[in-house]
Amino acid sequence: MADTTQTPSPLGQRLAKIDKAWAAFALILVSVALFDPGQFMPTVDFTASALLHTAPFILFAVFAIGYLKATGAENLLAKAFEGRETRMIVLAALLGGLSPFCSCEVIPFIAALLAVGAPLSAVMAFWLASPLMDPAMFAITSGTLGYEFAIAKALSAIGLGLLGGFGTMLLKSTPVFADPLREKPQVGGCCGVTKPFSDKPEWKFWQERARRETFRETTIENGMFLLKWLALAYVIEALMIHYVPAEWIAQVLGGEGFQPIVLGALVGAPAYLNGYAAVPLVAGLLEQGMSNGAAMSFVIAGGVSCIPAAIAVWALVKPRVFAAYLGYAMLGALIAGTLWQAVA
């Protein structure tokens, strides 16, 4: 019988290694140059200016994450899952909303906690708050949408964690949350899977070579990560402002009622794969007439349901628990959007 397997060609191997974000960025610019040459330089200028404006926030974010990683501060997450259940929920929501670690990065840790009987309520609080805000996200959001929006989003992240945590605690005896774990957790996701939380934090990380190397690698990795997604987002924002009629955005997502908030959540839930890239897109939508409440519901619903965050939950729990996770996200997005609409 003939061997039908084929070794990938060198060209195929090279194409597989091309980063999709950079490829999309280049493809957009090439398309603009071909089909609307007069708009090419304005698009490049807009993107470059936006990146320069955001550069101080990017630098602060990547160095802060590098420091926290090198010191081993992620060990502090374990403290959120000790003691009484109500205390665990509060601490998990606070740490989830403020820590610099993505949800899928702590899959092994969460899986171990659930396996030994840690309450799903505290884990749910962490999972809901974690993808919405971290030091890097706060810096980027502050530089683009203002400190008021960034603070409101941080409070919304913590509030959503509390909503999901206490809601799960109250409903833990129902069939939805009974026996929540998959039989064989599908460990994997957007981040490398490592063995976390084995040592106490070492704040003077520069005294150890391994920690210095962690700082260097983390800083470079996160710097490139933020640069590529923000560059792509700013290019899309430039095109959106130029080509999408402001009247259309204002008609669909503008106004002071509850409908724009609902639409913002419904559009935000499946709309983006990366929370950092969403910030410039929301800025462009606001310029086009999107309401403040719709902007907040958009980023809350989208942040929780984005692919990296959703994978972390789907990998460990059964579909009914995952559905509850998405339900909390939508409810929290509507509450956050309504409150922000009232005060902004």
Protein backbone atom coordinates (compact mmCIF):
# COMPACT_ATOMS: atom_id res chain seq x y z
CA MET A 1 0.00 0.00 0.00
CA ALA A 2 1.42 3.38 -0.99
CA ASP A 3 2.47 5.83 1.70
CA THR A 4 0.07 8.78 1.48
CA THR A 5 1.72 10.89 4.18
CA GLN A 6 3.48 14.00 2.99
CA THR A 7 6.25 16.00 4.59
CA PRO A 8 5.35 19.70 4.68
CA SER A 9 7.29 21.70 2.13
CA PRO A 10 9.79 24.35 3.31
CA LEU A 11 7.37 27.03 2.09
CA GLY A 12 4.53 25.47 4.10
CA GLN A 13 6.69 25.33 7.19
CA ARG A 14 7.63 28.99 6.81
CA LEU A 15 4.00 30.00 6.32
CA ALA A 16 3.00 28.07 9.44
CA LYS A 17 5.50 30.09 11.47
CA ILE A 18 4.20 33.49 10.31
CA ASP A 19 2.44 35.31 13.12
CA LYS A 20 -1.20 35.82 12.17
CA ALA A 21 -1.44 39.26 13.77
CA TRP A 22 1.58 40.60 11.86
CA ALA A 23 0.33 38.92 8.68
CA ALA A 24 -3.07 40.61 9.05
CA PHE A 25 -1.36 43.94 9.75
CA ALA A 26 0.74 43.67 6.57
CA LEU A 27 -2.20 42.45 4.48
CA ILE A 28 -4.35 45.41 5.53
CA LEU A 29 -1.65 47.92 4.64
CA VAL A 30 -0.95 46.24 1.29
CA SER A 31 -4.69 46.22 0.49
CA VAL A 32 -4.98 49.93 1.31
CA ALA A 33 -1.96 50.70 -0.85
CA LEU A 34 -3.46 48.77 -3.77
CA PHE A 35 -7.10 49.80 -3.61
CA ASP A 36 -6.94 53.26 -2.02
CA PRO A 37 -3.39 54.63 -2.38
CA GLY A 38 -4.36 58.06 -1.13
CA GLN A 39 -5.36 56.61 2.23
CA PHE A 40 -2.14 54.62 2.74
CA MET A 41 0.01 57.33 4.33
CA PRO A 42 -2.79 58.70 6.54
CA THR A 43 -3.35 55.15 7.82
CA VAL A 44 0.37 54.66 8.53
CA ASP A 45 0.61 58.09 10.19
CA PHE A 46 -2.42 57.41 12.38
CA THR A 47 -1.04 54.02 13.47
CA ALA A 48 2.43 55.37 14.21
CA SER A 49 1.09 58.36 16.16
CA ALA A 50 -1.22 56.16 18.20
CA LEU A 51 1.61 53.75 19.04
CA LEU A 52 3.89 56.61 20.09
CA HIS A 53 1.14 58.01 22.29
CA THR A 54 0.65 54.61 23.91
CA ALA A 55 4.39 53.78 24.18
CA PRO A 56 4.88 54.99 27.80
CA PHE A 57 1.95 52.88 28.94
CA ILE A 58 3.24 49.86 27.00
CA LEU A 59 6.70 50.20 28.56
CA PHE A 60 5.29 50.51 32.07
CA ALA A 61 3.06 47.50 31.48
CA VAL A 62 5.73 45.16 30.13
CA PHE A 63 8.26 46.05 32.86
CA ALA A 64 5.61 45.64 35.57
CA ILE A 65 4.65 42.21 34.26
CA GLY A 66 8.30 41.23 33.93
CA TYR A 67 8.95 42.21 37.55
CA LEU A 68 5.94 40.35 38.90
CA LYS A 69 6.82 37.25 36.91
CA ALA A 70 10.49 37.27 37.91
CA THR A 71 9.68 37.70 41.58
CA GLY A 72 7.20 34.82 41.54
CA ALA A 73 4.32 37.01 42.69
CA GLU A 74 1.86 34.60 41.07
CA ASN A 75 2.34 32.49 44.21
CA LEU A 76 0.14 35.01 46.00
CA LEU A 77 -2.86 33.70 44.06
CA ALA A 78 -2.85 30.62 46.24
CA LYS A 79 -3.74 32.78 49.26
CA ALA A 80 -7.08 33.60 47.68
CA PHE A 81 -8.20 29.99 48.00
CA GLU A 82 -7.66 29.52 51.73
CA GLY A 83 -10.12 30.01 54.59
CA ARG A 84 -13.88 30.57 54.57
CA GLU A 85 -15.74 30.42 51.26
CA THR A 86 -16.95 34.03 51.41
CA ARG A 87 -13.41 35.24 52.09
CA MET A 88 -12.11 33.12 49.21
CA ILE A 89 -14.63 34.64 46.82
CA VAL A 90 -13.74 38.21 47.76
CA LEU A 91 -9.99 37.63 47.54
CA ALA A 92 -10.31 35.66 44.28
CA ALA A 93 -12.29 38.50 42.68
CA LEU A 94 -9.77 41.09 43.87
CA LEU A 95 -6.72 39.11 42.76
CA GLY A 96 -8.37 38.08 39.50
CA GLY A 97 -9.17 41.70 38.68
CA LEU A 98 -5.71 43.01 39.56
CA SER A 99 -3.21 40.21 38.85
CA PRO A 100 -1.12 40.22 35.64
CA PHE A 101 -1.65 36.56 34.77
CA CYS A 102 -3.97 35.33 32.03
CA SER A 103 -6.60 32.74 32.86
CA CYS A 104 -5.14 29.86 30.86
CA GLU A 105 -1.73 30.42 32.43
CA VAL A 106 -3.01 29.12 35.74
CA ILE A 107 -4.90 26.11 34.35
CA PRO A 108 -2.69 23.57 36.20
CA PHE A 109 -3.13 25.48 39.45
CA ILE A 110 -6.93 25.80 39.10
CA ALA A 111 -7.22 22.15 38.05
CA ALA A 112 -5.34 21.07 41.16
CA LEU A 113 -7.51 23.25 43.41
CA LEU A 114 -10.74 21.92 41.95
CA ALA A 115 -9.48 18.35 42.17
CA VAL A 116 -8.78 18.65 45.91
CA GLY A 117 -12.13 20.27 46.64
CA ALA A 118 -11.61 24.04 46.43
CA PRO A 119 -15.04 25.68 46.00
CA LEU A 120 -16.10 26.35 42.44
CA SER A 121 -17.51 29.69 43.63
CA ALA A 122 -14.05 31.13 44.37
CA VAL A 123 -12.64 29.72 41.13
CA MET A 124 -15.55 31.26 39.20
CA ALA A 125 -14.87 34.63 40.84
CA PHE A 126 -11.24 34.48 39.72
CA TRP A 127 -12.04 33.26 36.22
CA LEU A 128 -14.56 36.04 35.56
CA ALA A 129 -12.40 38.88 36.85
CA SER A 130 -9.02 37.69 35.54
CA PRO A 131 -9.33 38.35 31.78
CA LEU A 132 -10.83 41.83 32.23
CA MET A 133 -8.10 43.75 33.98
CA ASP A 134 -4.41 43.55 34.85
CA PRO A 135 -1.62 46.16 35.16
CA ALA A 136 -0.92 46.11 31.43
CA MET A 137 -4.59 46.38 30.54
CA PHE A 138 -5.07 49.23 33.01
CA ALA A 139 -2.13 51.14 31.52
CA ILE A 140 -3.29 50.67 27.92
CA THR A 141 -6.91 51.50 28.77
CA SER A 142 -5.91 54.60 30.73
CA GLY A 143 -3.75 55.90 27.91
CA THR A 144 -6.43 55.36 25.27
CA LEU A 145 -9.82 55.70 26.96
CA GLY A 146 -8.90 57.69 30.09
CA TYR A 147 -8.36 56.87 33.74
CA GLU A 148 -12.06 57.12 34.55
CA PHE A 149 -12.94 54.36 32.09
CA ALA A 150 -9.99 52.22 33.25
CA ILE A 151 -10.98 52.54 36.91
CA ALA A 152 -14.63 51.81 36.07
CA LYS A 153 -13.60 48.70 34.14
CA ALA A 154 -11.39 47.51 37.02
CA LEU A 155 -14.27 47.93 39.46
CA SER A 156 -16.57 46.16 37.00
CA ALA A 157 -14.11 43.24 36.79
CA ILE A 158 -14.08 42.86 40.57
CA GLY A 159 -17.86 43.28 40.72
CA LEU A 160 -18.36 40.62 38.05
CA GLY A 161 -16.12 38.26 40.00
CA LEU A 162 -18.18 38.84 43.13
CA LEU A 163 -21.42 38.35 41.17
CA GLY A 164 -20.26 35.04 39.73
CA GLY A 165 -18.66 33.85 42.95
CA PHE A 166 -21.58 34.50 45.26
CA GLY A 167 -24.08 33.44 42.59
CA THR A 168 -22.31 30.10 42.28
CA MET A 169 -22.15 29.72 46.06
CA LEU A 170 -25.91 30.24 46.34
CA LEU A 171 -26.65 27.83 43.49
CA LYS A 172 -24.01 25.19 44.25
CA SER A 173 -26.60 22.59 45.22
CA THR A 174 -28.39 22.86 41.84
CA PRO A 175 -27.74 20.44 38.94
CA VAL A 176 -25.86 23.16 37.04
CA PHE A 177 -22.92 23.19 39.43
CA ALA A 178 -23.03 19.59 40.67
CA ASP A 179 -19.98 17.54 39.62
CA PRO A 180 -18.54 20.42 37.55
CA LEU A 181 -15.20 18.96 36.39
CA ARG A 182 -14.53 17.16 33.15
CA GLU A 183 -13.23 13.62 33.59
CA LYS A 184 -10.04 14.44 31.70
CA PRO A 185 -9.25 18.17 31.77
CA GLN A 186 -8.02 19.47 28.43
CA VAL A 187 -4.94 21.31 29.61
CA GLY A 188 -3.76 23.83 27.08
CA GLY A 189 -4.53 27.25 25.73
CA CYS A 190 -3.00 30.57 24.87
CA CYS A 191 -0.18 30.38 27.39
CA GLY A 192 2.52 27.87 28.01
CA VAL A 193 1.60 25.40 30.71
CA THR A 194 4.12 25.52 33.54
CA LYS A 195 4.24 24.35 37.13
CA PRO A 196 3.45 27.49 39.13
CA PHE A 197 3.41 28.42 42.80
CA SER A 198 6.32 26.27 43.97
CA ASP A 199 8.30 28.98 45.78
CA LYS A 200 7.72 32.08 47.86
CA PRO A 201 8.05 35.42 46.03
CA GLU A 202 11.58 36.80 45.85
CA TRP A 203 11.20 40.57 45.45
CA LYS A 204 14.93 41.19 44.78
CA PHE A 205 14.82 38.98 41.72
CA TRP A 206 18.02 40.42 40.21
CA GLN A 207 20.09 38.49 42.72
CA GLU A 208 19.35 35.21 40.93
CA ARG A 209 20.35 34.48 37.36
CA ALA A 210 17.28 32.38 36.56
CA ARG A 211 14.95 35.15 37.72
CA ARG A 212 16.87 37.75 35.72
CA GLU A 213 16.43 35.56 32.66
CA THR A 214 12.72 35.23 33.39
CA PHE A 215 12.45 39.03 33.60
CA ARG A 216 14.23 39.48 30.28
CA GLU A 217 12.22 36.84 28.43
CA THR A 218 8.89 37.96 29.89
CA THR A 219 9.54 41.62 29.09
CA ILE A 220 10.48 40.90 25.48
CA GLU A 221 7.62 38.44 24.98
CA ASN A 222 4.96 40.76 26.39
CA GLY A 223 6.41 43.79 24.60
CA MET A 224 6.12 42.04 21.24
CA PHE A 225 2.69 40.70 22.15
CA LEU A 226 1.33 44.16 22.96
CA LEU A 227 3.06 45.79 19.99
CA LYS A 228 1.63 43.44 17.38
CA TRP A 229 -1.96 43.50 18.69
CA LEU A 230 -2.02 47.26 19.23
CA ALA A 231 -0.49 47.92 15.81
CA LEU A 232 -3.19 45.77 14.20
CA ALA A 233 -5.92 47.41 16.27
CA TYR A 234 -4.78 50.96 15.42
CA VAL A 235 -4.72 50.13 11.71
CA ILE A 236 -8.26 48.78 11.95
CA GLU A 237 -9.30 51.84 13.96
CA ALA A 238 -7.89 54.16 11.28
CA LEU A 239 -9.82 52.36 8.56
CA MET A 240 -12.98 52.22 10.64
CA ILE A 241 -12.93 55.96 11.27
CA HIS A 242 -12.34 56.64 7.59
CA TYR A 243 -14.70 54.14 5.97
CA VAL A 244 -17.49 53.41 8.47
CA PRO A 245 -20.11 56.19 8.56
CA ALA A 246 -20.37 57.75 12.00
CA GLU A 247 -24.12 58.01 11.55
CA TRP A 248 -24.39 54.23 11.29
CA ILE A 249 -22.47 53.61 14.53
CA ALA A 250 -24.44 56.31 16.32
CA GLN A 251 -27.73 54.87 15.08
CA VAL A 252 -26.95 51.29 16.16
CA LEU A 253 -24.83 51.75 19.31
CA GLY A 254 -25.54 55.34 20.26
CA GLY A 255 -28.18 56.91 22.44
CA GLU A 256 -28.96 56.85 26.14
CA GLY A 257 -31.32 53.91 26.43
CA PHE A 258 -30.81 50.29 27.43
CA GLN A 259 -30.85 48.95 23.87
CA PRO A 260 -27.32 50.15 22.94
CA ILE A 261 -25.99 48.52 26.12
CA VAL A 262 -27.59 45.20 25.18
CA LEU A 263 -26.29 45.44 21.63
CA GLY A 264 -22.82 46.33 22.92
CA ALA A 265 -22.76 43.16 25.02
CA LEU A 266 -24.14 40.99 22.21
CA VAL A 267 -21.61 42.36 19.73
CA GLY A 268 -18.74 42.33 22.21
CA ALA A 269 -19.15 38.70 23.29
CA PRO A 270 -18.01 37.20 19.96
CA ALA A 271 -16.28 40.27 18.54
CA TYR A 272 -12.63 40.06 19.52
CA LEU A 273 -9.90 37.58 20.31
CA ASN A 274 -7.68 39.88 22.35
CA GLY A 275 -8.61 42.38 25.05
CA TYR A 276 -5.66 44.69 24.38
CA ALA A 277 -6.59 45.08 20.72
CA ALA A 278 -10.17 45.87 21.73
CA VAL A 279 -9.17 49.11 23.50
CA PRO A 280 -8.29 51.09 20.35
CA LEU A 281 -11.31 49.63 18.57
CA VAL A 282 -13.59 50.88 21.34
CA ALA A 283 -11.91 54.29 21.14
CA GLY A 284 -12.73 54.41 17.44
CA LEU A 285 -16.32 53.33 18.05
CA LEU A 286 -16.73 56.03 20.70
CA GLU A 287 -15.48 58.62 18.22
CA GLN A 288 -18.07 57.37 15.75
CA GLY A 289 -20.93 57.75 18.21
CA MET A 290 -21.01 54.63 20.37
CA SER A 291 -22.60 55.31 23.77
CA ASN A 292 -20.56 55.07 26.97
CA GLY A 293 -22.74 52.28 28.33
CA ALA A 294 -22.43 50.24 25.14
CA ALA A 295 -18.63 50.66 25.25
CA MET A 296 -18.46 49.28 28.78
CA SER A 297 -20.78 46.35 28.09
CA PHE A 298 -18.76 45.62 24.93
CA VAL A 299 -15.42 45.32 26.75
CA ILE A 300 -16.84 43.36 29.70
CA ALA A 301 -18.74 40.78 27.63
CA GLY A 302 -15.96 40.52 25.06
CA GLY A 303 -13.17 40.24 27.63
CA VAL A 304 -14.74 37.32 29.47
CA SER A 305 -15.82 35.43 26.35
CA CYS A 306 -12.70 36.04 24.24
CA ILE A 307 -11.02 32.86 23.02
CA PRO A 308 -8.05 32.73 25.45
CA ALA A 309 -10.21 33.31 28.53
CA ALA A 310 -12.97 30.97 27.40
CA ILE A 311 -10.52 28.16 26.62
CA ALA A 312 -9.27 28.24 30.21
CA VAL A 313 -12.76 27.53 31.54
CA TRP A 314 -13.88 25.14 28.80
CA ALA A 315 -10.73 23.05 29.34
CA LEU A 316 -11.66 22.15 32.91
CA VAL A 317 -15.42 22.21 33.43
CA LYS A 318 -18.49 20.65 31.87
CA PRO A 319 -20.54 22.56 29.27
CA ARG A 320 -23.31 23.52 31.72
CA VAL A 321 -20.79 25.23 34.01
CA PHE A 322 -19.25 26.94 30.99
CA ALA A 323 -22.73 28.17 29.98
CA ALA A 324 -23.15 29.61 33.48
CA TYR A 325 -19.79 31.36 33.08
CA LEU A 326 -20.99 33.02 29.87
CA GLY A 327 -24.32 33.87 31.51
CA TYR A 328 -22.56 35.67 34.35
CA ALA A 329 -20.49 37.55 31.76
CA MET A 330 -23.55 38.83 29.90
CA LEU A 331 -25.39 39.79 33.08
CA GLY A 332 -22.33 41.55 34.48
CA ALA A 333 -21.77 43.37 31.19
CA LEU A 334 -25.33 44.71 31.19
CA ILE A 335 -25.05 45.87 34.82
CA ALA A 336 -21.66 47.51 34.24
CA GLY A 337 -22.86 49.21 31.05
CA THR A 338 -25.98 50.55 32.72
CA LEU A 339 -24.07 51.93 35.71
CA TRP A 340 -21.38 53.51 33.54
CA GLN A 341 -24.02 55.06 31.29
CA ALA A 342 -25.58 56.65 34.37
CA VAL A 343 -22.39 58.18 35.78
CA ALA A 344 -20.23 58.90 32.73
